[in-house]
Protein backbone atom coordinates (compact mmCIF):
# COMPACT_ATOMS: atom_id res chain seq x y z
CA MET A 1 -64.90 -46.31 -24.75
CA LYS A 2 -63.36 -47.56 -27.98
CA PRO A 3 -59.97 -49.24 -27.35
CA ASP A 4 -56.88 -47.70 -28.92
CA PHE A 5 -55.24 -50.57 -30.78
CA SER A 6 -52.39 -48.30 -31.89
CA ALA A 7 -51.09 -47.90 -28.32
CA PRO A 8 -47.37 -48.86 -28.02
CA GLN A 9 -48.08 -51.52 -25.37
CA ASN A 10 -50.00 -53.48 -27.97
CA PHE A 11 -46.87 -54.03 -30.06
CA ILE A 12 -43.88 -56.33 -29.52
CA ASN A 13 -40.53 -55.07 -30.73
CA ARG A 14 -39.14 -57.22 -33.54
CA GLU A 15 -35.58 -57.46 -32.17
CA LEU A 16 -36.64 -58.24 -28.61
CA SER A 17 -39.10 -60.80 -29.93
CA TRP A 18 -36.23 -62.51 -31.75
CA LEU A 19 -34.25 -62.70 -28.50
CA GLU A 20 -37.21 -64.44 -26.89
CA PHE A 21 -37.24 -66.90 -29.78
CA ASN A 22 -33.58 -67.72 -29.15
CA ARG A 23 -34.35 -68.09 -25.46
CA ARG A 24 -36.72 -70.90 -26.46
CA VAL A 25 -33.85 -72.57 -28.34
CA LEU A 26 -31.91 -72.47 -25.08
CA GLU A 27 -34.88 -73.98 -23.27
CA GLU A 28 -34.65 -76.95 -25.64
CA ALA A 29 -31.04 -77.43 -24.53
CA ALA A 30 -32.22 -77.34 -20.91
CA ASP A 31 -34.92 -79.96 -21.47
CA PRO A 32 -33.74 -83.23 -19.84
CA SER A 33 -36.20 -85.21 -21.96
CA GLN A 34 -34.12 -84.37 -25.05
CA PRO A 35 -31.33 -86.81 -26.01
CA LEU A 36 -28.04 -85.56 -24.58
CA LEU A 37 -26.27 -84.70 -27.84
CA GLU A 38 -29.40 -82.99 -29.14
CA ARG A 39 -29.10 -80.70 -26.12
CA VAL A 40 -25.49 -79.99 -27.09
CA LYS A 41 -26.67 -79.24 -30.63
CA PHE A 42 -29.22 -76.73 -29.32
CA LEU A 43 -26.44 -74.95 -27.42
CA ALA A 44 -24.51 -74.64 -30.69
CA ILE A 45 -27.62 -73.47 -32.57
CA PHE A 46 -28.21 -70.83 -29.90
CA SER A 47 -24.67 -69.46 -30.40
CA SER A 48 -24.96 -69.53 -34.19
CA ASN A 49 -28.30 -67.73 -34.05
CA LEU A 50 -26.89 -65.09 -31.74
CA ASP A 51 -23.98 -64.48 -34.11
CA GLU A 52 -26.37 -63.79 -36.96
CA PHE A 53 -28.52 -61.58 -34.73
CA PHE A 54 -25.55 -59.33 -34.00
CA GLU A 55 -24.29 -59.39 -37.57
CA ILE A 56 -27.59 -58.18 -38.99
CA ARG A 57 -30.07 -56.90 -36.42
CA VAL A 58 -27.73 -55.26 -33.87
CA ALA A 59 -25.58 -53.90 -36.69
CA GLY A 60 -28.68 -52.25 -38.16
CA LEU A 61 -29.58 -50.65 -34.82
CA GLN A 62 -26.06 -49.29 -34.41
CA GLN A 63 -26.24 -47.77 -37.88
CA GLN A 64 -29.52 -46.09 -36.96
CA ILE A 65 -27.91 -44.63 -33.83
CA GLU A 66 -24.93 -43.37 -35.84
CA SER A 67 -27.37 -41.77 -38.29
CA ALA A 68 -29.17 -40.05 -35.39
CA VAL A 69 -32.50 -41.66 -36.21
CA THR A 70 -35.17 -40.13 -33.95
CA GLU A 71 -38.27 -41.80 -35.35
CA THR A 72 -39.83 -44.56 -33.31
CA GLY A 73 -41.80 -47.55 -34.48
CA PRO A 74 -45.26 -48.61 -33.33
CA ASP A 75 -43.70 -49.78 -30.04
CA ASP A 76 -42.49 -46.20 -29.37
CA MET A 77 -38.88 -47.32 -28.78
CA LEU A 78 -35.80 -45.52 -30.08
CA PRO A 79 -32.87 -47.56 -31.47
CA GLY A 80 -30.78 -46.77 -28.39
CA GLU A 81 -33.51 -48.03 -26.06
CA ILE A 82 -33.84 -51.25 -28.03
CA LEU A 83 -30.08 -51.76 -27.93
CA ASP A 84 -30.03 -51.27 -24.14
CA HIS A 85 -32.71 -53.96 -23.77
CA ILE A 86 -30.71 -56.25 -26.06
CA HIS A 87 -27.49 -55.85 -24.07
CA ARG A 88 -29.23 -56.71 -20.81
CA GLY A 89 -31.07 -59.63 -22.37
CA VAL A 90 -27.97 -61.12 -24.01
CA HIS A 91 -25.96 -60.94 -20.78
CA GLU A 92 -28.75 -62.87 -19.07
CA LEU A 93 -28.86 -65.45 -21.86
CA TYR A 94 -25.09 -65.94 -21.74
CA THR A 95 -25.30 -66.58 -17.99
CA THR A 96 -28.02 -69.16 -18.55
CA GLN A 97 -26.17 -70.84 -21.42
CA TYR A 98 -22.87 -71.31 -19.59
CA ALA A 99 -24.54 -72.38 -16.33
CA LEU A 100 -26.39 -75.02 -18.32
CA TRP A 101 -23.19 -76.17 -20.03
CA TYR A 102 -21.08 -76.44 -16.87
CA ASP A 103 -23.70 -77.54 -14.36
CA LYS A 104 -25.84 -79.89 -16.46
CA ILE A 105 -24.45 -80.86 -19.87
CA LEU A 106 -20.77 -81.44 -19.04
CA PRO A 107 -21.52 -83.71 -16.05
CA ALA A 108 -24.04 -85.63 -18.16
CA LEU A 109 -21.45 -86.08 -20.92
CA ALA A 110 -18.93 -87.33 -18.36
CA THR A 111 -21.33 -90.09 -17.32
CA GLU A 112 -21.28 -91.20 -20.96
CA ARG A 113 -17.46 -91.25 -20.94
CA ILE A 114 -17.24 -88.05 -23.00
CA ARG A 115 -14.98 -85.43 -21.46
CA ILE A 116 -13.66 -82.05 -22.56
CA LEU A 117 -10.39 -81.58 -20.74
CA ALA A 118 -8.51 -78.49 -19.65
CA PRO A 119 -4.75 -78.50 -20.27
CA ALA A 120 -4.13 -79.09 -16.56
CA ASP A 121 -6.15 -82.32 -16.74
CA LEU A 122 -4.09 -83.95 -19.52
CA THR A 123 -2.03 -87.03 -18.80
CA ASP A 124 1.60 -87.26 -19.91
CA GLY A 125 0.47 -89.42 -22.81
CA ASP A 126 -2.12 -86.84 -23.83
CA ARG A 127 0.51 -84.10 -23.73
CA LYS A 128 2.86 -86.07 -25.95
CA TRP A 129 0.10 -86.74 -28.47
CA ALA A 130 -1.01 -83.10 -28.37
CA ALA A 131 2.56 -81.87 -28.91
CA LYS A 132 2.96 -84.08 -31.99
CA PHE A 133 -0.41 -82.96 -33.37
CA PHE A 134 0.47 -79.31 -32.77
CA ALA A 135 3.83 -79.65 -34.54
CA ALA A 136 2.38 -81.47 -37.55
CA GLU A 137 -1.06 -79.90 -38.06
CA VAL A 138 -1.29 -76.58 -36.22
CA PHE A 139 2.10 -74.87 -36.00
CA PRO A 140 2.56 -74.70 -39.81
CA VAL A 141 -0.68 -72.70 -40.25
CA LEU A 142 -0.17 -70.21 -37.41
CA THR A 143 0.84 -66.64 -38.25
CA PRO A 144 1.56 -64.47 -35.20
CA LEU A 145 1.20 -60.77 -35.99
CA ALA A 146 3.00 -58.15 -33.92
CA VAL A 147 1.20 -55.03 -32.74
CA ASP A 148 3.44 -51.99 -32.26
CA ALA A 149 4.25 -48.57 -33.71
CA SER A 150 5.49 -50.09 -36.97
CA HIS A 151 2.90 -52.88 -37.12
CA PRO A 152 -0.72 -51.68 -36.99
CA PHE A 153 -3.37 -53.83 -35.38
CA PRO A 154 -4.12 -56.63 -37.88
CA GLN A 155 -7.46 -57.13 -39.58
CA VAL A 156 -9.37 -59.63 -37.46
CA VAL A 157 -11.72 -61.85 -39.45
CA ASN A 158 -15.39 -61.93 -38.53
CA LYS A 159 -16.24 -64.60 -35.91
CA SER A 160 -12.70 -65.97 -35.84
CA HIS A 161 -11.23 -67.13 -32.53
CA ASN A 162 -8.14 -65.08 -31.69
CA LEU A 163 -5.52 -64.83 -28.97
CA ILE A 164 -3.96 -61.58 -27.86
CA VAL A 165 -0.51 -62.21 -26.43
CA ARG A 166 1.37 -59.93 -24.07
CA ALA A 167 5.10 -60.60 -23.88
CA ARG A 168 8.29 -58.90 -22.80
CA LYS A 169 11.94 -59.17 -23.64
CA PRO A 170 13.99 -60.80 -20.86
CA ARG A 171 15.13 -58.29 -18.22
CA SER A 172 13.24 -55.53 -20.06
CA LYS A 173 11.48 -52.86 -18.00
CA GLY A 174 10.01 -51.06 -20.98
CA GLU A 175 6.58 -51.31 -22.55
CA PRO A 176 5.24 -54.84 -23.12
CA LEU A 177 4.97 -56.30 -26.59
CA TYR A 178 1.63 -57.40 -28.06
CA ALA A 179 0.74 -59.83 -30.82
CA ILE A 180 -2.37 -61.42 -32.30
CA VAL A 181 -2.62 -65.11 -33.15
CA GLN A 182 -5.68 -66.38 -35.00
CA VAL A 183 -6.70 -69.90 -34.04
CA PRO A 184 -6.76 -71.62 -37.45
CA ARG A 185 -10.11 -72.36 -39.02
CA SER A 186 -8.62 -75.14 -41.14
CA VAL A 187 -8.44 -77.37 -38.04
CA LYS A 188 -11.49 -78.46 -36.04
CA GLY A 189 -12.04 -76.34 -32.95
CA LEU A 190 -12.52 -79.43 -30.76
CA LEU A 191 -9.93 -82.19 -31.03
CA ARG A 192 -10.37 -85.75 -29.93
CA LEU A 193 -7.34 -86.86 -27.96
CA GLN A 194 -5.67 -90.18 -28.63
CA PRO A 195 -8.28 -92.89 -27.93
CA ARG A 196 -7.60 -94.98 -24.85
CA LYS A 197 -9.42 -97.51 -22.71
CA ASP A 198 -9.72 -98.11 -19.00
CA ASP A 199 -11.74 -100.52 -16.89
CA GLY A 200 -14.99 -98.97 -18.07
CA GLY A 201 -14.22 -99.15 -21.78
CA GLU A 202 -13.22 -96.63 -24.41
CA ARG A 203 -12.92 -93.01 -23.34
CA TRP A 204 -13.74 -90.04 -25.55
CA ASP A 205 -11.57 -87.17 -24.38
CA TYR A 206 -11.43 -83.83 -26.17
CA LEU A 207 -9.35 -80.66 -26.05
CA PHE A 208 -10.24 -77.28 -27.50
CA LEU A 209 -7.88 -76.22 -30.28
CA ALA A 210 -7.48 -72.79 -28.69
CA ASP A 211 -6.22 -74.45 -25.50
CA LEU A 212 -3.72 -76.47 -27.53
CA VAL A 213 -2.37 -73.30 -29.15
CA LYS A 214 -2.10 -71.61 -25.75
CA MET A 215 -0.20 -74.61 -24.38
CA HIS A 216 2.47 -74.11 -27.06
CA ILE A 217 2.33 -70.35 -27.47
CA GLY A 218 5.94 -70.01 -26.32
CA GLU A 219 7.09 -71.80 -29.49
CA LEU A 220 5.79 -68.85 -31.52
CA PHE A 221 7.63 -66.25 -29.44
CA GLN A 222 10.96 -67.81 -28.63
CA GLY A 223 13.26 -65.52 -26.68
CA LEU A 224 10.35 -63.61 -25.11
CA LYS A 225 8.72 -63.97 -21.72
CA ILE A 226 4.98 -64.57 -22.11
CA GLU A 227 3.01 -62.54 -19.58
CA GLY A 228 -0.49 -63.39 -20.71
CA VAL A 229 -2.56 -65.04 -23.45
CA HIS A 230 -6.25 -64.14 -23.71
CA ASP A 231 -9.04 -65.30 -26.01
CA PHE A 232 -11.26 -62.87 -27.89
CA ARG A 233 -13.74 -62.97 -30.75
CA ILE A 234 -15.15 -60.17 -32.91
CA THR A 235 -18.55 -60.10 -34.60
CA ARG A 236 -18.81 -57.70 -37.53
CA ASN A 237 -21.58 -55.97 -39.44
CA SER A 238 -22.38 -58.50 -42.16
CA ASP A 239 -25.51 -56.99 -43.65
CA LEU A 240 -25.38 -56.92 -47.45
CA TYR A 241 -26.03 -53.61 -49.21
CA ILE A 242 -27.00 -54.40 -52.78
CA ASP A 243 -28.97 -52.30 -55.21
CA GLU A 244 -30.04 -54.84 -57.82
CA GLU A 245 -31.00 -52.13 -60.28
CA GLU A 246 -27.61 -50.40 -60.01
CA ALA A 247 -25.50 -53.57 -59.97
CA VAL A 248 -24.24 -54.28 -63.49
CA ASN A 249 -22.92 -57.72 -62.51
CA LEU A 250 -24.97 -59.06 -59.60
CA LEU A 251 -22.69 -62.06 -58.97
CA HIS A 252 -19.60 -59.84 -58.80
CA THR A 253 -21.42 -57.41 -56.52
CA LEU A 254 -22.40 -60.24 -54.17
CA GLU A 255 -18.82 -61.51 -54.07
CA GLN A 256 -17.53 -58.04 -53.17
CA GLU A 257 -20.19 -57.59 -50.48
CA LEU A 258 -19.29 -60.93 -48.91
CA ILE A 259 -15.63 -59.92 -48.81
CA ARG A 260 -16.61 -56.58 -47.27
CA ALA A 261 -18.73 -58.33 -44.66
CA ARG A 262 -15.64 -60.14 -43.37
CA LYS A 263 -14.12 -56.72 -42.68
CA GLY A 264 -17.21 -54.75 -41.67
CA ASP A 265 -17.40 -52.61 -38.56
CA ALA A 266 -17.25 -54.54 -35.30
CA VAL A 267 -20.54 -54.76 -33.42
CA ARG A 268 -19.65 -57.14 -30.57
CA ILE A 269 -16.56 -58.42 -28.81
CA GLU A 270 -16.45 -61.55 -26.67
CA VAL A 271 -13.51 -62.08 -24.31
CA GLU A 272 -12.64 -64.76 -21.80
CA GLU A 273 -13.88 -63.85 -18.34
CA SER A 274 -10.32 -63.72 -16.95
CA CYS A 275 -9.18 -61.13 -19.51
CA PRO A 276 -7.59 -58.21 -17.61
CA ALA A 277 -9.15 -54.75 -17.76
CA ASP A 278 -6.25 -53.14 -19.66
CA ILE A 279 -6.49 -55.75 -22.43
CA GLN A 280 -10.23 -55.21 -22.62
CA SER A 281 -9.68 -51.45 -22.96
CA LEU A 282 -7.07 -51.99 -25.67
CA LEU A 283 -9.45 -54.15 -27.69
CA LEU A 284 -12.42 -51.82 -27.23
CA GLU A 285 -10.34 -48.88 -28.40
CA ARG A 286 -9.01 -50.75 -31.42
CA PHE A 287 -12.44 -51.90 -32.57
CA GLN A 288 -14.17 -48.62 -31.63
CA LEU A 289 -16.63 -50.32 -29.33
CA THR A 290 -18.04 -49.39 -25.93
CA GLU A 291 -18.24 -51.30 -22.65
CA ALA A 292 -21.82 -52.19 -23.54
CA ASP A 293 -20.59 -54.09 -26.62
CA LEU A 294 -18.23 -56.31 -24.59
CA TYR A 295 -19.30 -59.71 -23.29
CA LYS A 296 -17.13 -61.64 -20.83
CA VAL A 297 -17.81 -65.35 -21.22
CA ARG A 298 -16.43 -68.67 -20.08
CA SER A 299 -14.84 -71.29 -22.31
CA PRO A 300 -15.62 -71.95 -25.12
CA LEU A 301 -16.04 -68.47 -26.58
CA SER A 302 -18.57 -69.89 -29.02
CA MET A 303 -20.40 -73.17 -28.59
CA THR A 304 -20.43 -73.65 -32.34
CA GLN A 305 -17.06 -75.31 -31.60
CA LEU A 306 -18.96 -78.24 -30.08
CA GLU A 307 -20.03 -79.49 -33.51
CA PRO A 308 -17.66 -82.53 -33.51
CA LEU A 309 -19.52 -83.94 -30.50
CA PHE A 310 -22.80 -84.42 -32.35
CA ALA A 311 -21.57 -84.64 -35.96
CA GLY A 312 -20.39 -88.26 -35.88
CA GLU A 313 -22.31 -91.50 -35.54
CA ALA A 314 -20.39 -92.94 -32.61
CA PHE A 315 -23.09 -91.88 -30.14
CA ALA A 316 -26.25 -92.45 -32.14
CA ARG A 317 -28.02 -93.57 -28.96
CA LEU A 318 -27.53 -90.04 -27.55
CA LYS A 319 -29.28 -88.40 -30.50
CA ASP A 320 -32.73 -88.40 -32.01
CA ARG A 321 -33.49 -91.46 -34.10
CA PRO A 322 -33.33 -90.68 -37.83
CA PHE A 323 -36.71 -90.05 -39.38
CA VAL A 324 -37.53 -92.69 -41.98
CA PRO A 325 -40.59 -91.87 -44.10
CA ILE A 326 -43.05 -94.68 -44.79
CA PHE A 327 -45.63 -95.15 -47.50
CA SER A 328 -49.24 -95.93 -46.80
CA ASP A 329 -50.71 -98.79 -48.80
CA ALA A 330 -53.93 -96.81 -48.94
CA LEU A 331 -52.27 -94.20 -51.17
CA PRO A 332 -51.56 -94.78 -54.87
CA ARG A 333 -47.91 -94.92 -55.85
CA ARG A 334 -46.98 -93.16 -59.04
CA ALA A 335 -43.64 -92.27 -60.55
CA ASN A 336 -44.86 -88.74 -61.28
CA ILE A 337 -47.98 -87.36 -59.68
CA PHE A 338 -47.80 -84.02 -61.51
């Protein structure tokens, strides 16, 4: 009997195949034979890849669902079926990523005297330094935006780290007040605390910028009682829709599309795992997303914030050696071989 090579089981779905590719990036981060900071870099690459996947691929699937597309590809899968597989796969990958970070990478960093501290772990000296840094570098660029009947929910920038604040007037029994604070992008998301030494030598202690803002959130809402501060992050549809034949000025069209992409429809929301259910519902309603589009994750919301750890040269021994090309004497050397 002649085999049927057109059977759906003979085809691999493009989007699910891409997820498997990113799983292999995560496997590189899990590989103990890799230098430690290269493993951190792979965690960041995984997060950056996943952002782009949602911005383009998942956004495209959601548009197909909204357009009621009923045609299937060679794999015989509808857009909704593909999206269901993606949601399950991404939840699994998140679990793997954060388990790797907390159970393997962070302890390994600590043995190298590199620590990422929670606010509760800061010394008095660290708190004083952090307060001065906040007052000088962070507070001036923060813009809290109220959310109420006279202040609509603000436009949240694509992939920005945000805090939703719930507060109440003293002795008030009415409805709580809400506000949005964007963690500034003009400051690095991971701050090195004031260098100090102990018996073992110099320590490299870090604090996430979002945690610093949360430590001083009361300074933005003086006179109010803060009831909760919760991290969230939105990923938006960033696919570019350009008809080169119709565009009179291609450069201008590209500029407008890039601006639009920052404000495109939301396709994913990430929230801290401790975010209460009512806040989750509020955010889902505002961004017109479903429970399936919400991902509860641990800190940090995005591991792209870890870039300062592997960007510098202070820990060259924890990274791959730079590749230095060499010339073979057996090959002729010419200024221009073309």
